[in-house]
Amino acid sequence: MSISATYKVSGMSCGHCEGAVSGEISELPGVSSVKAVASTGEVTVISEAALDETAVRAAVDEAGFELVGTV
């Protein structure tokens, strides 16, 4: 079973930003898909189990952006 969660991320403005955020989040255990959309600031993550928001926040921080919260 897969779980989908959508997060709001501030600061993304281009494809490079999307790639940076997607790359960091995709390294989290259990993540199977990440789709970041700079124009909306939304990042949709599909994973095997619910992710710890602290871990997602740390991954987004590592990419240089800020996790605002869930959508």
PDB file of N, CA and C in Angstrom:
ATOM      1  N   MET A   1       0.829  -1.179   0.000  1.00  0.00           N
ATOM      2  CA  MET A   1       0.000   0.000   0.000  1.00  0.00           C
ATOM      3  C   MET A   1       0.880   1.252   0.000  1.00  0.00           C
ATOM      4  N   SER A   2       0.501   2.224  -0.802  1.00  0.00           N
ATOM      5  CA  SER A   2       1.259   3.467  -0.870  1.00  0.00           C
ATOM      6  C   SER A   2       0.479   4.597  -0.217  1.00  0.00           C
ATOM      7  N   ILE A   3       1.218   5.527   0.345  1.00  0.00           N
ATOM      8  CA  ILE A   3       0.624   6.705   0.962  1.00  0.00           C
ATOM      9  C   ILE A   3       1.115   7.921   0.199  1.00  0.00           C
ATOM     10  N   SER A   4       0.187   8.819  -0.125  1.00  0.00           N
ATOM     11  CA  SER A   4       0.539  10.051  -0.819  1.00  0.00           C
ATOM     12  C   SER A   4       0.377  11.218   0.148  1.00  0.00           C
ATOM     13  N   ALA A   5       1.375  12.089   0.172  1.00  0.00           N
ATOM     14  CA  ALA A   5       1.307  13.288   1.005  1.00  0.00           C
ATOM     15  C   ALA A   5       1.794  14.466   0.173  1.00  0.00           C
ATOM     16  N   THR A   6       1.149  15.602   0.336  1.00  0.00           N
ATOM     17  CA  THR A   6       1.564  16.802  -0.383  1.00  0.00           C
ATOM     18  C   THR A   6       2.019  17.847   0.619  1.00  0.00           C
ATOM     19  N   TYR A   7       3.192  18.395   0.353  1.00  0.00           N
ATOM     20  CA  TYR A   7       3.798  19.385   1.226  1.00  0.00           C
ATOM     21  C   TYR A   7       3.911  20.713   0.494  1.00  0.00           C
ATOM     22  N   LYS A   8       3.870  21.791   1.243  1.00  0.00           N
ATOM     23  CA  LYS A   8       4.064  23.133   0.695  1.00  0.00           C
ATOM     24  C   LYS A   8       5.489  23.554   1.018  1.00  0.00           C
ATOM     25  N   VAL A   9       6.234  23.930  -0.030  1.00  0.00           N
ATOM     26  CA  VAL A   9       7.630  24.319   0.132  1.00  0.00           C
ATOM     27  C   VAL A   9       7.807  25.728  -0.423  1.00  0.00           C
ATOM     28  N   SER A  10       8.432  26.606   0.351  1.00  0.00           N
ATOM     29  CA  SER A  10       8.646  27.969  -0.133  1.00  0.00           C
ATOM     30  C   SER A  10      10.042  28.106  -0.717  1.00  0.00           C
ATOM     31  N   GLY A  11      10.142  28.954  -1.743  1.00  0.00           N
ATOM     32  CA  GLY A  11      11.441  29.275  -2.320  1.00  0.00           C
ATOM     33  C   GLY A  11      11.744  28.616  -3.648  1.00  0.00           C
ATOM     34  N   MET A  12      10.965  27.623  -4.063  1.00  0.00           N
ATOM     35  CA  MET A  12      11.228  26.978  -5.348  1.00  0.00           C
ATOM     36  C   MET A  12      10.783  27.911  -6.483  1.00  0.00           C
ATOM     37  N   SER A  13      11.653  28.108  -7.478  1.00  0.00           N
ATOM     38  CA  SER A  13      11.292  29.008  -8.573  1.00  0.00           C
ATOM     39  C   SER A  13      11.584  28.444  -9.959  1.00  0.00           C
ATOM     40  N   CYS A  14      12.216  27.265 -10.027  1.00  0.00           N
ATOM     41  CA  CYS A  14      12.602  26.742 -11.345  1.00  0.00           C
ATOM     42  C   CYS A  14      12.760  25.218 -11.304  1.00  0.00           C
ATOM     43  N   GLY A  15      13.050  24.664 -12.445  1.00  0.00           N
ATOM     44  CA  GLY A  15      13.246  23.222 -12.549  1.00  0.00           C
ATOM     45  C   GLY A  15      14.405  22.724 -11.711  1.00  0.00           C
ATOM     46  N   HIS A  16      15.459  23.533 -11.610  1.00  0.00           N
ATOM     47  CA  HIS A  16      16.597  23.137 -10.776  1.00  0.00           C
ATOM     48  C   HIS A  16      16.162  23.014  -9.316  1.00  0.00           C
ATOM     49  N   CYS A  17      15.326  23.943  -8.872  1.00  0.00           N
ATOM     50  CA  CYS A  17      14.798  23.901  -7.504  1.00  0.00           C
ATOM     51  C   CYS A  17      13.995  22.619  -7.292  1.00  0.00           C
ATOM     52  N   GLU A  18      13.129  22.316  -8.259  1.00  0.00           N
ATOM     53  CA  GLU A  18      12.314  21.095  -8.180  1.00  0.00           C
ATOM     54  C   GLU A  18      13.201  19.870  -8.058  1.00  0.00           C
ATOM     55  N   GLY A  19      14.261  19.838  -8.859  1.00  0.00           N
ATOM     56  CA  GLY A  19      15.174  18.696  -8.838  1.00  0.00           C
ATOM     57  C   GLY A  19      15.909  18.558  -7.520  1.00  0.00           C
ATOM     58  N   ALA A  20      16.324  19.692  -6.958  1.00  0.00           N
ATOM     59  CA  ALA A  20      17.044  19.661  -5.683  1.00  0.00           C
ATOM     60  C   ALA A  20      16.151  19.116  -4.571  1.00  0.00           C
ATOM     61  N   VAL A  21      14.923  19.617  -4.499  1.00  0.00           N
ATOM     62  CA  VAL A  21      13.982  19.169  -3.464  1.00  0.00           C
ATOM     63  C   VAL A  21      13.629  17.699  -3.681  1.00  0.00           C
ATOM     64  N   SER A  22      13.313  17.338  -4.924  1.00  0.00           N
ATOM     65  CA  SER A  22      12.956  15.948  -5.229  1.00  0.00           C
ATOM     66  C   SER A  22      14.095  14.999  -4.894  1.00  0.00           C
ATOM     67  N   GLY A  23      15.314  15.405  -5.226  1.00  0.00           N
ATOM     68  CA  GLY A  23      16.479  14.560  -4.975  1.00  0.00           C
ATOM     69  C   GLY A  23      16.687  14.272  -3.502  1.00  0.00           C
ATOM     70  N   GLU A  24      16.562  15.298  -2.680  1.00  0.00           N
ATOM     71  CA  GLU A  24      16.762  15.111  -1.232  1.00  0.00           C
ATOM     72  C   GLU A  24      15.644  14.261  -0.625  1.00  0.00           C
ATOM     73  N   ILE A  25      14.401  14.541  -0.975  1.00  0.00           N
ATOM     74  CA  ILE A  25      13.276  13.787  -0.395  1.00  0.00           C
ATOM     75  C   ILE A  25      13.303  12.335  -0.866  1.00  0.00           C
ATOM     76  N   SER A  26      13.703  12.113  -2.119  1.00  0.00           N
ATOM     77  CA  SER A  26      13.699  10.741  -2.645  1.00  0.00           C
ATOM     78  C   SER A  26      14.702   9.845  -1.944  1.00  0.00           C
ATOM     79  N   GLU A  27      15.653  10.438  -1.216  1.00  0.00           N
ATOM     80  CA  GLU A  27      16.631   9.639  -0.467  1.00  0.00           C
ATOM     81  C   GLU A  27      16.083   9.129   0.861  1.00  0.00           C
ATOM     82  N   LEU A  28      14.923   9.635   1.276  1.00  0.00           N
ATOM     83  CA  LEU A  28      14.334   9.160   2.536  1.00  0.00           C
ATOM     84  C   LEU A  28      13.872   7.711   2.376  1.00  0.00           C
ATOM     85  N   PRO A  29      14.019   6.892   3.412  1.00  0.00           N
ATOM     86  CA  PRO A  29      13.613   5.485   3.332  1.00  0.00           C
ATOM     87  C   PRO A  29      12.128   5.337   3.018  1.00  0.00           C
ATOM     88  N   GLY A  30      11.807   4.461   2.068  1.00  0.00           N
ATOM     89  CA  GLY A  30      10.418   4.148   1.749  1.00  0.00           C
ATOM     90  C   GLY A  30       9.788   5.030   0.691  1.00  0.00           C
ATOM     91  N   VAL A  31      10.489   6.078   0.263  1.00  0.00           N
ATOM     92  CA  VAL A  31       9.922   6.983  -0.742  1.00  0.00           C
ATOM     93  C   VAL A  31      10.040   6.348  -2.125  1.00  0.00           C
ATOM     94  N   SER A  32       8.910   6.291  -2.842  1.00  0.00           N
ATOM     95  CA  SER A  32       8.938   5.697  -4.181  1.00  0.00           C
ATOM     96  C   SER A  32       8.793   6.731  -5.284  1.00  0.00           C
ATOM     97  N   SER A  33       8.233   7.910  -4.972  1.00  0.00           N
ATOM     98  CA  SER A  33       8.025   8.925  -5.999  1.00  0.00           C
ATOM     99  C   SER A  33       7.950  10.301  -5.364  1.00  0.00           C
ATOM    100  N   VAL A  34       8.561  11.277  -6.049  1.00  0.00           N
ATOM    101  CA  VAL A  34       8.486  12.667  -5.591  1.00  0.00           C
ATOM    102  C   VAL A  34       8.220  13.542  -6.806  1.00  0.00           C
ATOM    103  N   LYS A  35       7.211  14.406  -6.708  1.00  0.00           N
ATOM    104  CA  LYS A  35       6.934  15.352  -7.793  1.00  0.00           C
ATOM    105  C   LYS A  35       6.855  16.747  -7.195  1.00  0.00           C
ATOM    106  N   ALA A  36       7.834  17.574  -7.530  1.00  0.00           N
ATOM    107  CA  ALA A  36       7.864  18.954  -7.056  1.00  0.00           C
ATOM    108  C   ALA A  36       7.424  19.876  -8.181  1.00  0.00           C
ATOM    109  N   VAL A  37       6.582  20.855  -7.857  1.00  0.00           N
ATOM    110  CA  VAL A  37       6.093  21.819  -8.842  1.00  0.00           C
ATOM    111  C   VAL A  37       6.406  23.221  -8.329  1.00  0.00           C
ATOM    112  N   ALA A  38       7.376  23.870  -8.955  1.00  0.00           N
ATOM    113  CA  ALA A  38       7.819  25.182  -8.492  1.00  0.00           C
ATOM    114  C   ALA A  38       6.703  26.219  -8.558  1.00  0.00           C
ATOM    115  N   SER A  39       5.874  26.172  -9.602  1.00  0.00           N
ATOM    116  CA  SER A  39       4.845  27.204  -9.783  1.00  0.00           C
ATOM    117  C   SER A  39       3.811  27.220  -8.665  1.00  0.00           C
ATOM    118  N   THR A  40       3.569  26.064  -8.045  1.00  0.00           N
ATOM    119  CA  THR A  40       2.599  25.994  -6.952  1.00  0.00           C
ATOM    120  C   THR A  40       3.279  25.871  -5.589  1.00  0.00           C
ATOM    121  N   GLY A  41       4.560  25.502  -5.589  1.00  0.00           N
ATOM    122  CA  GLY A  41       5.269  25.279  -4.337  1.00  0.00           C
ATOM    123  C   GLY A  41       4.885  23.970  -3.672  1.00  0.00           C
ATOM    124  N   GLU A  42       4.211  23.107  -4.428  1.00  0.00           N
ATOM    125  CA  GLU A  42       3.756  21.844  -3.843  1.00  0.00           C
ATOM    126  C   GLU A  42       4.665  20.687  -4.230  1.00  0.00           C
ATOM    127  N   VAL A  43       4.895  19.820  -3.261  1.00  0.00           N
ATOM    128  CA  VAL A  43       5.706  18.625  -3.473  1.00  0.00           C
ATOM    129  C   VAL A  43       4.867  17.426  -3.048  1.00  0.00           C
ATOM    130  N   THR A  44       4.571  16.549  -3.989  1.00  0.00           N
ATOM    131  CA  THR A  44       3.788  15.356  -3.696  1.00  0.00           C
ATOM    132  C   THR A  44       4.733  14.169  -3.560  1.00  0.00           C
ATOM    133  N   VAL A  45       4.608  13.475  -2.448  1.00  0.00           N
ATOM    134  CA  VAL A  45       5.503  12.359  -2.149  1.00  0.00           C
ATOM    135  C   VAL A  45       4.674  11.090  -1.982  1.00  0.00           C
ATOM    136  N   ILE A  46       5.061  10.035  -2.687  1.00  0.00           N
ATOM    137  CA  ILE A  46       4.424   8.730  -2.523  1.00  0.00           C
ATOM    138  C   ILE A  46       5.430   7.827  -1.828  1.00  0.00           C
ATOM    139  N   SER A  47       4.974   7.212  -0.736  1.00  0.00           N
ATOM    140  CA  SER A  47       5.873   6.378   0.063  1.00  0.00           C
ATOM    141  C   SER A  47       5.141   5.142   0.558  1.00  0.00           C
ATOM    142  N   GLU A  48       5.942   4.184   1.051  1.00  0.00           N
ATOM    143  CA  GLU A  48       5.380   2.923   1.539  1.00  0.00           C
ATOM    144  C   GLU A  48       4.613   3.119   2.841  1.00  0.00           C
ATOM    145  N   ALA A  49       5.042   4.086   3.630  1.00  0.00           N
ATOM    146  CA  ALA A  49       4.395   4.375   4.917  1.00  0.00           C
ATOM    147  C   ALA A  49       4.450   5.879   5.137  1.00  0.00           C
ATOM    148  N   ALA A  50       3.662   6.354   6.073  1.00  0.00           N
ATOM    149  CA  ALA A  50       3.652   7.789   6.376  1.00  0.00           C
ATOM    150  C   ALA A  50       5.059   8.237   6.763  1.00  0.00           C
ATOM    151  N   LEU A  51       5.466   9.378   6.242  1.00  0.00           N
ATOM    152  CA  LEU A  51       6.799   9.893   6.535  1.00  0.00           C
ATOM    153  C   LEU A  51       6.764  10.782   7.775  1.00  0.00           C
ATOM    154  N   ASP A  52       7.870  10.793   8.466  1.00  0.00           N
ATOM    155  CA  ASP A  52       8.035  11.685   9.604  1.00  0.00           C
ATOM    156  C   ASP A  52       8.262  13.088   9.048  1.00  0.00           C
ATOM    157  N   GLU A  53       7.399  14.034   9.406  1.00  0.00           N
ATOM    158  CA  GLU A  53       7.518  15.384   8.853  1.00  0.00           C
ATOM    159  C   GLU A  53       8.862  16.017   9.191  1.00  0.00           C
ATOM    160  N   THR A  54       9.442  15.637  10.330  1.00  0.00           N
ATOM    161  CA  THR A  54      10.755  16.168  10.708  1.00  0.00           C
ATOM    162  C   THR A  54      11.811  15.749   9.684  1.00  0.00           C
ATOM    163  N   ALA A  55      11.721  14.508   9.209  1.00  0.00           N
ATOM    164  CA  ALA A  55      12.670  14.014   8.211  1.00  0.00           C
ATOM    165  C   ALA A  55      12.470  14.721   6.877  1.00  0.00           C
ATOM    166  N   VAL A  56      11.207  14.937   6.504  1.00  0.00           N
ATOM    167  CA  VAL A  56      10.919  15.647   5.252  1.00  0.00           C
ATOM    168  C   VAL A  56      11.429  17.082   5.355  1.00  0.00           C
ATOM    169  N   ARG A  57      11.189  17.716   6.491  1.00  0.00           N
ATOM    170  CA  ARG A  57      11.659  19.097   6.714  1.00  0.00           C
ATOM    171  C   ARG A  57      13.189  19.173   6.596  1.00  0.00           C
ATOM    172  N   ALA A  58      13.883  18.196   7.176  1.00  0.00           N
ATOM    173  CA  ALA A  58      15.345  18.176   7.118  1.00  0.00           C
ATOM    174  C   ALA A  58      15.830  18.012   5.676  1.00  0.00           C
ATOM    175  N   ALA A  59      15.146  17.167   4.892  1.00  0.00           N
ATOM    176  CA  ALA A  59      15.522  16.964   3.492  1.00  0.00           C
ATOM    177  C   ALA A  59      15.312  18.241   2.687  1.00  0.00           C
ATOM    178  N   VAL A  60      14.194  18.921   2.923  1.00  0.00           N
ATOM    179  CA  VAL A  60      13.901  20.175   2.220  1.00  0.00           C
ATOM    180  C   VAL A  60      14.926  21.241   2.621  1.00  0.00           C
ATOM    181  N   ASP A  61      15.260  21.301   3.907  1.00  0.00           N
ATOM    182  CA  ASP A  61      16.283  22.245   4.385  1.00  0.00           C
ATOM    183  C   ASP A  61      17.622  21.974   3.702  1.00  0.00           C
ATOM    184  N   GLU A  62      17.962  20.698   3.578  1.00  0.00           N
ATOM    185  CA  GLU A  62      19.222  20.298   2.951  1.00  0.00           C
ATOM    186  C   GLU A  62      19.293  20.789   1.499  1.00  0.00           C
ATOM    187  N   ALA A  63      18.130  20.818   0.843  1.00  0.00           N
ATOM    188  CA  ALA A  63      18.060  21.294  -0.545  1.00  0.00           C
ATOM    189  C   ALA A  63      18.093  22.818  -0.617  1.00  0.00           C
ATOM    190  N   GLY A  64      17.971  23.470   0.541  1.00  0.00           N
ATOM    191  CA  GLY A  64      18.041  24.929   0.570  1.00  0.00           C
ATOM    192  C   GLY A  64      16.690  25.638   0.544  1.00  0.00           C
ATOM    193  N   PHE A  65      15.651  24.923   0.903  1.00  0.00           N
ATOM    194  CA  PHE A  65      14.306  25.508   0.875  1.00  0.00           C
ATOM    195  C   PHE A  65      13.633  25.289   2.226  1.00  0.00           C
ATOM    196  N   GLU A  66      12.421  25.817   2.357  1.00  0.00           N
ATOM    197  CA  GLU A  66      11.731  25.723   3.639  1.00  0.00           C
ATOM    198  C   GLU A  66      10.393  24.994   3.489  1.00  0.00           C
ATOM    199  N   LEU A  67      10.206  23.986   4.324  1.00  0.00           N
ATOM    200  CA  LEU A  67       8.927  23.274   4.373  1.00  0.00           C
ATOM    201  C   LEU A  67       7.956  24.131   5.168  1.00  0.00           C
ATOM    202  N   VAL A  68       6.854  24.536   4.510  1.00  0.00           N
ATOM    203  CA  VAL A  68       5.853  25.361   5.167  1.00  0.00           C
ATOM    204  C   VAL A  68       4.887  24.483   5.943  1.00  0.00           C
ATOM    205  N   GLY A  69       4.541  23.315   5.384  1.00  0.00           N
ATOM    206  CA  GLY A  69       3.621  22.398   6.037  1.00  0.00           C
ATOM    207  C   GLY A  69       3.008  21.457   5.021  1.00  0.00           C
ATOM    208  N   THR A  70       1.954  20.768   5.435  1.00  0.00           N
ATOM    209  CA  THR A  70       1.262  19.866   4.515  1.00  0.00           C
ATOM    210  C   THR A  70       0.093  20.597   3.886  1.00  0.00           C
ATOM    211  N   VAL A  71      -0.307  20.105   2.723  1.00  0.00           N
ATOM    212  CA  VAL A  71      -1.421  20.718   1.986  1.00  0.00           C
ATOM    213  C   VAL A  71      -2.682  19.942   2.267  1.00  0.00           C
TER     214      VAL A  71
END
